[in-house]
């Protein structure tokens, strides 16, 4: 099958998320200690998770549900009884600076995106999270020359698997669902959402039992590396 457009998820699809998140939280812990909070690493983690859980519960389904500045603001409020804006801001900045510094692309991403671009295939990065942070990530990864469109859930007001996260980039690139491939690591967000609007879907680095999925959860393809993406599209 020939595709004229490829939609690609960002986090845990173009680069590994876990080491970046770990680096960000370690930097935030060091910062909160410097701010004078007498917390152990485990106490900090528990406080962070409590703030995170409250934000996600209250803002589920929105880009803001992923915002670390909100997590830290809420965590400090829980611990100190006030938001202490300067401290929350410093923690968020420390987290994202360390996170972005840790980012490295998965093997083969640059070659694959360059090959798609050279072949005239439109590439859109379609991602849940706030635009400012995803722009920082895209810039850090150095792949902007091969990306025709970045669309975040902040811009649409809805998160994948909401249909607007797929229909809007189709409209902006003037492409049809039948000629577009969606690539991502999440069954729920990328595969279910893509399948629902008629895209061909490819699950990247999926679970071992992914082949047993059925219905809208079943991807059309399962790929383990970006070399396979090039073979699939071109």
C-alpha atoms as a PDB file:
ATOM      1  CA  UNK A   1       0.000   0.000   0.000  1.00  0.00           C
ATOM      2  CA  UNK A   2       1.216   3.510  -0.789  1.00  0.00           C
ATOM      3  CA  UNK A   3       0.746   6.267   1.773  1.00  0.00           C
ATOM      4  CA  UNK A   4       0.789   9.996   1.081  1.00  0.00           C
ATOM      5  CA  UNK A   5       0.901  10.986   4.741  1.00  0.00           C
ATOM      6  CA  UNK A   6       2.236   9.528   7.982  1.00  0.00           C
ATOM      7  CA  UNK A   7       1.090  10.663  11.414  1.00  0.00           C
ATOM      8  CA  UNK A   8       3.576   9.903  14.183  1.00  0.00           C
ATOM      9  CA  UNK A   9       3.156  10.059  17.932  1.00  0.00           C
ATOM     10  CA  UNK A  10       5.974  11.809  19.807  1.00  0.00           C
ATOM     11  CA  UNK A  11       6.544  10.466  23.325  1.00  0.00           C
ATOM     12  CA  UNK A  12       7.804   6.860  23.467  1.00  0.00           C
ATOM     13  CA  UNK A  13       7.553   6.670  19.685  1.00  0.00           C
ATOM     14  CA  UNK A  14      10.296   8.987  18.467  1.00  0.00           C
ATOM     15  CA  UNK A  15      12.342   8.765  21.675  1.00  0.00           C
ATOM     16  CA  UNK A  16      12.200   6.793  24.980  1.00  0.00           C
ATOM     17  CA  UNK A  17      10.180   8.567  27.667  1.00  0.00           C
ATOM     18  CA  UNK A  18      11.274   6.758  30.848  1.00  0.00           C
ATOM     19  CA  UNK A  19      14.910   7.965  31.123  1.00  0.00           C
ATOM     20  CA  UNK A  20      13.823  11.545  30.401  1.00  0.00           C
ATOM     21  CA  UNK A  21      11.130  11.455  33.062  1.00  0.00           C
ATOM     22  CA  UNK A  22      13.593   9.973  35.557  1.00  0.00           C
ATOM     23  CA  UNK A  23      16.148  12.692  34.819  1.00  0.00           C
ATOM     24  CA  UNK A  24      13.502  15.382  35.164  1.00  0.00           C
ATOM     25  CA  UNK A  25      12.275  14.143  38.526  1.00  0.00           C
ATOM     26  CA  UNK A  26      15.815  13.792  39.856  1.00  0.00           C
ATOM     27  CA  UNK A  27      16.541  17.407  38.902  1.00  0.00           C
ATOM     28  CA  UNK A  28      13.302  18.522  40.554  1.00  0.00           C
ATOM     29  CA  UNK A  29      14.205  16.626  43.733  1.00  0.00           C
ATOM     30  CA  UNK A  30      17.605  18.301  43.889  1.00  0.00           C
ATOM     31  CA  UNK A  31      15.905  21.661  43.372  1.00  0.00           C
ATOM     32  CA  UNK A  32      13.310  21.170  46.087  1.00  0.00           C
ATOM     33  CA  UNK A  33      16.074  20.245  48.533  1.00  0.00           C
ATOM     34  CA  UNK A  34      17.918  23.440  47.589  1.00  0.00           C
ATOM     35  CA  UNK A  35      14.701  25.343  48.260  1.00  0.00           C
ATOM     36  CA  UNK A  36      14.839  24.146  51.862  1.00  0.00           C
ATOM     37  CA  UNK A  37      12.253  21.368  51.883  1.00  0.00           C
ATOM     38  CA  UNK A  38      13.397  18.541  54.167  1.00  0.00           C
ATOM     39  CA  UNK A  39      12.189  15.633  52.031  1.00  0.00           C
ATOM     40  CA  UNK A  40      13.745  12.258  51.295  1.00  0.00           C
ATOM     41  CA  UNK A  41      13.716  10.963  47.734  1.00  0.00           C
ATOM     42  CA  UNK A  42      10.837   8.619  48.578  1.00  0.00           C
ATOM     43  CA  UNK A  43       8.882  11.396  50.296  1.00  0.00           C
ATOM     44  CA  UNK A  44       9.376  13.636  47.293  1.00  0.00           C
ATOM     45  CA  UNK A  45       8.196  10.884  44.940  1.00  0.00           C
ATOM     46  CA  UNK A  46       5.100  10.291  47.058  1.00  0.00           C
ATOM     47  CA  UNK A  47       4.305  14.003  47.124  1.00  0.00           C
ATOM     48  CA  UNK A  48       4.869  14.297  43.368  1.00  0.00           C
ATOM     49  CA  UNK A  49       2.553  11.372  42.686  1.00  0.00           C
ATOM     50  CA  UNK A  50      -0.116  12.833  44.953  1.00  0.00           C
ATOM     51  CA  UNK A  51      -0.006  16.147  43.118  1.00  0.00           C
ATOM     52  CA  UNK A  52       0.023  14.358  39.766  1.00  0.00           C
ATOM     53  CA  UNK A  53      -2.975  12.200  40.677  1.00  0.00           C
ATOM     54  CA  UNK A  54      -5.052  15.199  41.740  1.00  0.00           C
ATOM     55  CA  UNK A  55      -4.281  17.088  38.544  1.00  0.00           C
ATOM     56  CA  UNK A  56      -5.031  14.091  36.335  1.00  0.00           C
ATOM     57  CA  UNK A  57      -8.277  13.392  38.167  1.00  0.00           C
ATOM     58  CA  UNK A  58      -9.492  16.969  37.802  1.00  0.00           C
ATOM     59  CA  UNK A  59      -8.200  17.636  34.267  1.00  0.00           C
ATOM     60  CA  UNK A  60      -8.516  14.197  32.650  1.00  0.00           C
ATOM     61  CA  UNK A  61      -8.801  14.342  28.879  1.00  0.00           C
ATOM     62  CA  UNK A  62      -7.054  17.706  28.518  1.00  0.00           C
ATOM     63  CA  UNK A  63      -3.488  18.663  27.634  1.00  0.00           C
ATOM     64  CA  UNK A  64      -3.103  20.296  31.051  1.00  0.00           C
ATOM     65  CA  UNK A  65      -3.432  16.904  32.704  1.00  0.00           C
ATOM     66  CA  UNK A  66       0.195  16.283  31.674  1.00  0.00           C
ATOM     67  CA  UNK A  67       1.606  19.633  32.828  1.00  0.00           C
ATOM     68  CA  UNK A  68       4.414  19.190  35.359  1.00  0.00           C
ATOM     69  CA  UNK A  69       4.189  22.798  36.517  1.00  0.00           C
ATOM     70  CA  UNK A  70       0.685  21.938  37.745  1.00  0.00           C
ATOM     71  CA  UNK A  71       1.932  18.750  39.420  1.00  0.00           C
ATOM     72  CA  UNK A  72       4.576  20.685  41.340  1.00  0.00           C
ATOM     73  CA  UNK A  73       2.227  23.546  42.183  1.00  0.00           C
ATOM     74  CA  UNK A  74      -0.263  21.079  43.620  1.00  0.00           C
ATOM     75  CA  UNK A  75       2.442  19.081  45.426  1.00  0.00           C
ATOM     76  CA  UNK A  76       3.783  22.177  47.183  1.00  0.00           C
ATOM     77  CA  UNK A  77       0.255  23.227  48.085  1.00  0.00           C
ATOM     78  CA  UNK A  78      -0.342  19.803  49.647  1.00  0.00           C
ATOM     79  CA  UNK A  79       2.935  19.905  51.574  1.00  0.00           C
ATOM     80  CA  UNK A  80       3.109  23.563  52.596  1.00  0.00           C
ATOM     81  CA  UNK A  81      -0.503  24.705  52.478  1.00  0.00           C
ATOM     82  CA  UNK A  82       0.245  27.315  49.817  1.00  0.00           C
ATOM     83  CA  UNK A  83       1.243  27.304  46.176  1.00  0.00           C
ATOM     84  CA  UNK A  84       4.571  29.208  46.568  1.00  0.00           C
ATOM     85  CA  UNK A  85       4.661  30.183  42.917  1.00  0.00           C
ATOM     86  CA  UNK A  86       8.425  30.801  42.722  1.00  0.00           C
ATOM     87  CA  UNK A  87       9.179  27.313  44.010  1.00  0.00           C
ATOM     88  CA  UNK A  88       6.663  25.607  41.721  1.00  0.00           C
ATOM     89  CA  UNK A  89       8.060  27.498  38.736  1.00  0.00           C
ATOM     90  CA  UNK A  90      11.648  26.513  39.600  1.00  0.00           C
ATOM     91  CA  UNK A  91      10.674  22.864  39.977  1.00  0.00           C
ATOM     92  CA  UNK A  92       8.882  22.795  36.636  1.00  0.00           C
ATOM     93  CA  UNK A  93      11.775  24.469  34.881  1.00  0.00           C
ATOM     94  CA  UNK A  94      14.321  22.115  36.488  1.00  0.00           C
ATOM     95  CA  UNK A  95      12.243  19.110  35.467  1.00  0.00           C
ATOM     96  CA  UNK A  96      11.838  20.105  31.829  1.00  0.00           C
ATOM     97  CA  UNK A  97      15.417  21.286  31.385  1.00  0.00           C
ATOM     98  CA  UNK A  98      16.784  17.944  32.579  1.00  0.00           C
ATOM     99  CA  UNK A  99      14.105  16.025  30.666  1.00  0.00           C
ATOM    100  CA  UNK A 100      14.891  17.687  27.352  1.00  0.00           C
ATOM    101  CA  UNK A 101      18.651  17.353  27.876  1.00  0.00           C
ATOM    102  CA  UNK A 102      18.199  13.592  28.268  1.00  0.00           C
ATOM    103  CA  UNK A 103      16.240  13.118  25.041  1.00  0.00           C
ATOM    104  CA  UNK A 104      17.710  10.939  22.299  1.00  0.00           C
ATOM    105  CA  UNK A 105      15.949   9.605  19.234  1.00  0.00           C
ATOM    106  CA  UNK A 106      15.296   5.925  18.738  1.00  0.00           C
ATOM    107  CA  UNK A 107      17.586   4.341  16.171  1.00  0.00           C
ATOM    108  CA  UNK A 108      16.596   4.970  12.572  1.00  0.00           C
ATOM    109  CA  UNK A 109      14.192   7.863  13.178  1.00  0.00           C
ATOM    110  CA  UNK A 110      16.157  10.495  11.245  1.00  0.00           C
ATOM    111  CA  UNK A 111      16.799   8.208   8.281  1.00  0.00           C
ATOM    112  CA  UNK A 112      13.157   7.138   8.143  1.00  0.00           C
ATOM    113  CA  UNK A 113      11.743  10.656   8.356  1.00  0.00           C
ATOM    114  CA  UNK A 114      14.249  11.920   5.794  1.00  0.00           C
ATOM    115  CA  UNK A 115      13.308   9.122   3.413  1.00  0.00           C
ATOM    116  CA  UNK A 116       9.594   9.925   3.814  1.00  0.00           C
ATOM    117  CA  UNK A 117      10.243  13.606   3.226  1.00  0.00           C
ATOM    118  CA  UNK A 118      12.378  12.930   0.169  1.00  0.00           C
ATOM    119  CA  UNK A 119       9.610  10.749  -1.233  1.00  0.00           C
ATOM    120  CA  UNK A 120       7.051  13.536  -0.849  1.00  0.00           C
ATOM    121  CA  UNK A 121       5.186  11.890   2.027  1.00  0.00           C
ATOM    122  CA  UNK A 122       3.680  14.389   4.473  1.00  0.00           C
ATOM    123  CA  UNK A 123       4.737  13.826   8.095  1.00  0.00           C
ATOM    124  CA  UNK A 124       2.676  15.108  11.019  1.00  0.00           C
ATOM    125  CA  UNK A 125       3.597  14.710  14.674  1.00  0.00           C
ATOM    126  CA  UNK A 126       0.305  14.223  16.519  1.00  0.00           C
ATOM    127  CA  UNK A 127       0.687  14.310  20.273  1.00  0.00           C
ATOM    128  CA  UNK A 128      -1.125  14.692  23.572  1.00  0.00           C
ATOM    129  CA  UNK A 129       0.370  17.473  25.742  1.00  0.00           C
ATOM    130  CA  UNK A 130       0.860  21.214  25.748  1.00  0.00           C
ATOM    131  CA  UNK A 131       2.215  22.937  22.654  1.00  0.00           C
ATOM    132  CA  UNK A 132       5.105  24.773  24.329  1.00  0.00           C
ATOM    133  CA  UNK A 133       6.603  21.582  25.726  1.00  0.00           C
ATOM    134  CA  UNK A 134       6.154  19.582  22.536  1.00  0.00           C
ATOM    135  CA  UNK A 135       7.769  22.373  20.534  1.00  0.00           C
ATOM    136  CA  UNK A 136      10.768  22.236  22.891  1.00  0.00           C
ATOM    137  CA  UNK A 137      11.001  18.476  22.366  1.00  0.00           C
ATOM    138  CA  UNK A 138      10.738  18.719  18.605  1.00  0.00           C
ATOM    139  CA  UNK A 139      13.453  21.375  18.526  1.00  0.00           C
ATOM    140  CA  UNK A 140      15.710  19.315  20.792  1.00  0.00           C
ATOM    141  CA  UNK A 141      15.337  16.215  18.622  1.00  0.00           C
ATOM    142  CA  UNK A 142      16.410  18.171  15.540  1.00  0.00           C
ATOM    143  CA  UNK A 143      13.835  16.697  13.166  1.00  0.00           C
ATOM    144  CA  UNK A 144      11.868  19.814  12.259  1.00  0.00           C
ATOM    145  CA  UNK A 145      13.121  19.768   8.677  1.00  0.00           C
ATOM    146  CA  UNK A 146      11.330  16.450   8.144  1.00  0.00           C
ATOM    147  CA  UNK A 147       8.056  17.373   9.883  1.00  0.00           C
ATOM    148  CA  UNK A 148       5.316  19.188   7.994  1.00  0.00           C
ATOM    149  CA  UNK A 149       2.936  19.649  10.914  1.00  0.00           C
ATOM    150  CA  UNK A 150       2.905  19.444  14.719  1.00  0.00           C
ATOM    151  CA  UNK A 151      -0.523  19.124  16.314  1.00  0.00           C
ATOM    152  CA  UNK A 152      -1.033  18.926  20.073  1.00  0.00           C
ATOM    153  CA  UNK A 153      -4.084  18.183  22.157  1.00  0.00           C
ATOM    154  CA  UNK A 154      -3.812  21.701  23.582  1.00  0.00           C
ATOM    155  CA  UNK A 155      -4.639  23.036  20.120  1.00  0.00           C
ATOM    156  CA  UNK A 156      -7.723  20.873  19.682  1.00  0.00           C
ATOM    157  CA  UNK A 157      -9.006  20.831  23.258  1.00  0.00           C
ATOM    158  CA  UNK A 158      -9.295  17.049  23.053  1.00  0.00           C
ATOM    159  CA  UNK A 159      -6.823  14.216  23.481  1.00  0.00           C
ATOM    160  CA  UNK A 160      -6.210  11.137  21.392  1.00  0.00           C
ATOM    161  CA  UNK A 161      -8.167   8.952  20.778  1.00  0.00           C
ATOM    162  CA  UNK A 162     -10.600  11.814  20.061  1.00  0.00           C
ATOM    163  CA  UNK A 163     -11.316  11.944  16.343  1.00  0.00           C
ATOM    164  CA  UNK A 164     -10.364  15.628  16.009  1.00  0.00           C
ATOM    165  CA  UNK A 165      -6.738  14.714  16.746  1.00  0.00           C
ATOM    166  CA  UNK A 166      -6.735  12.832  13.453  1.00  0.00           C
ATOM    167  CA  UNK A 167      -9.278  14.653  11.297  1.00  0.00           C
ATOM    168  CA  UNK A 168      -7.720  18.088  11.865  1.00  0.00           C
ATOM    169  CA  UNK A 169      -4.247  17.127  10.582  1.00  0.00           C
ATOM    170  CA  UNK A 170      -5.912  15.386   7.649  1.00  0.00           C
ATOM    171  CA  UNK A 171      -7.675  18.642   6.826  1.00  0.00           C
ATOM    172  CA  UNK A 172      -4.574  20.795   7.300  1.00  0.00           C
ATOM    173  CA  UNK A 173      -2.493  18.543   5.043  1.00  0.00           C
ATOM    174  CA  UNK A 174      -5.381  18.002   2.611  1.00  0.00           C
ATOM    175  CA  UNK A 175      -5.053  14.228   2.862  1.00  0.00           C
ATOM    176  CA  UNK A 176      -7.616  11.452   3.093  1.00  0.00           C
ATOM    177  CA  UNK A 177      -7.782   8.844   5.854  1.00  0.00           C
ATOM    178  CA  UNK A 178      -7.413   6.063   3.298  1.00  0.00           C
ATOM    179  CA  UNK A 179      -3.976   7.345   2.270  1.00  0.00           C
ATOM    180  CA  UNK A 180      -2.634   7.994   5.759  1.00  0.00           C
ATOM    181  CA  UNK A 181      -0.729   5.816   8.247  1.00  0.00           C
ATOM    182  CA  UNK A 182      -0.820   6.463  12.014  1.00  0.00           C
ATOM    183  CA  UNK A 183       2.231   5.270  13.978  1.00  0.00           C
ATOM    184  CA  UNK A 184       2.331   5.239  17.773  1.00  0.00           C
ATOM    185  CA  UNK A 185       3.118   3.225  20.872  1.00  0.00           C
ATOM    186  CA  UNK A 186      -0.322   3.402  22.518  1.00  0.00           C
ATOM    187  CA  UNK A 187      -3.118   1.005  21.643  1.00  0.00           C
ATOM    188  CA  UNK A 188      -5.729   3.199  23.303  1.00  0.00           C
ATOM    189  CA  UNK A 189      -4.603   6.557  21.937  1.00  0.00           C
ATOM    190  CA  UNK A 190      -2.977   5.832  18.587  1.00  0.00           C
ATOM    191  CA  UNK A 191      -4.489   2.586  17.349  1.00  0.00           C
ATOM    192  CA  UNK A 192      -8.064   2.938  18.607  1.00  0.00           C
ATOM    193  CA  UNK A 193      -8.171   6.605  17.620  1.00  0.00           C
ATOM    194  CA  UNK A 194      -6.649   6.028  14.196  1.00  0.00           C
ATOM    195  CA  UNK A 195      -8.793   3.005  13.408  1.00  0.00           C
ATOM    196  CA  UNK A 196     -11.959   4.890  14.358  1.00  0.00           C
ATOM    197  CA  UNK A 197     -11.456   7.467  11.599  1.00  0.00           C
ATOM    198  CA  UNK A 198     -10.281   5.023   8.953  1.00  0.00           C
ATOM    199  CA  UNK A 199      -6.512   5.461   9.114  1.00  0.00           C
ATOM    200  CA  UNK A 200      -4.177   2.521   8.641  1.00  0.00           C
ATOM    201  CA  UNK A 201      -2.483   1.995  12.003  1.00  0.00           C
ATOM    202  CA  UNK A 202       0.951   0.746  13.013  1.00  0.00           C
ATOM    203  CA  UNK A 203       1.726  -0.039  16.655  1.00  0.00           C
ATOM    204  CA  UNK A 204       5.335   0.831  17.450  1.00  0.00           C
ATOM    205  CA  UNK A 205       7.251  -1.308  19.942  1.00  0.00           C
ATOM    206  CA  UNK A 206       3.994  -2.806  21.164  1.00  0.00           C
ATOM    207  CA  UNK A 207       3.381  -5.479  23.818  1.00  0.00           C
ATOM    208  CA  UNK A 208       4.127  -9.125  23.068  1.00  0.00           C
ATOM    209  CA  UNK A 209       0.418  -9.986  22.947  1.00  0.00           C
ATOM    210  CA  UNK A 210      -0.479  -7.136  20.555  1.00  0.00           C
ATOM    211  CA  UNK A 211      -1.162  -9.609  17.760  1.00  0.00           C
ATOM    212  CA  UNK A 212      -4.048 -10.994  19.816  1.00  0.00           C
ATOM    213  CA  UNK A 213      -5.895  -7.676  19.965  1.00  0.00           C
ATOM    214  CA  UNK A 214      -9.272  -7.499  18.256  1.00  0.00           C
ATOM    215  CA  UNK A 215     -11.725  -4.892  17.020  1.00  0.00           C
ATOM    216  CA  UNK A 216     -10.627  -1.265  17.025  1.00  0.00           C
ATOM    217  CA  UNK A 217      -7.714  -2.156  19.309  1.00  0.00           C
ATOM    218  CA  UNK A 218      -6.081  -4.263  16.615  1.00  0.00           C
ATOM    219  CA  UNK A 219      -3.380  -2.435  14.634  1.00  0.00           C
ATOM    220  CA  UNK A 220      -2.975  -3.115  10.937  1.00  0.00           C
ATOM    221  CA  UNK A 221       0.775  -3.463  11.464  1.00  0.00           C
ATOM    222  CA  UNK A 222       3.206  -3.955  14.350  1.00  0.00           C
ATOM    223  CA  UNK A 223       6.691  -2.527  13.926  1.00  0.00           C
ATOM    224  CA  UNK A 224       9.705  -2.677  16.226  1.00  0.00           C
ATOM    225  CA  UNK A 225      11.908  -0.102  14.508  1.00  0.00           C
ATOM    226  CA  UNK A 226      11.814   2.795  12.106  1.00  0.00           C
ATOM    227  CA  UNK A 227      13.535   0.821   9.395  1.00  0.00           C
ATOM    228  CA  UNK A 228      10.337  -1.208   9.238  1.00  0.00           C
ATOM    229  CA  UNK A 229       8.349   2.012   8.859  1.00  0.00           C
ATOM    230  CA  UNK A 230      10.289   2.951   5.744  1.00  0.00           C
ATOM    231  CA  UNK A 231       9.661  -0.492   4.272  1.00  0.00           C
ATOM    232  CA  UNK A 232       5.982  -0.221   5.080  1.00  0.00           C
ATOM    233  CA  UNK A 233       5.420   3.206   3.571  1.00  0.00           C
ATOM    234  CA  UNK A 234       7.757   3.386   0.596  1.00  0.00           C
END
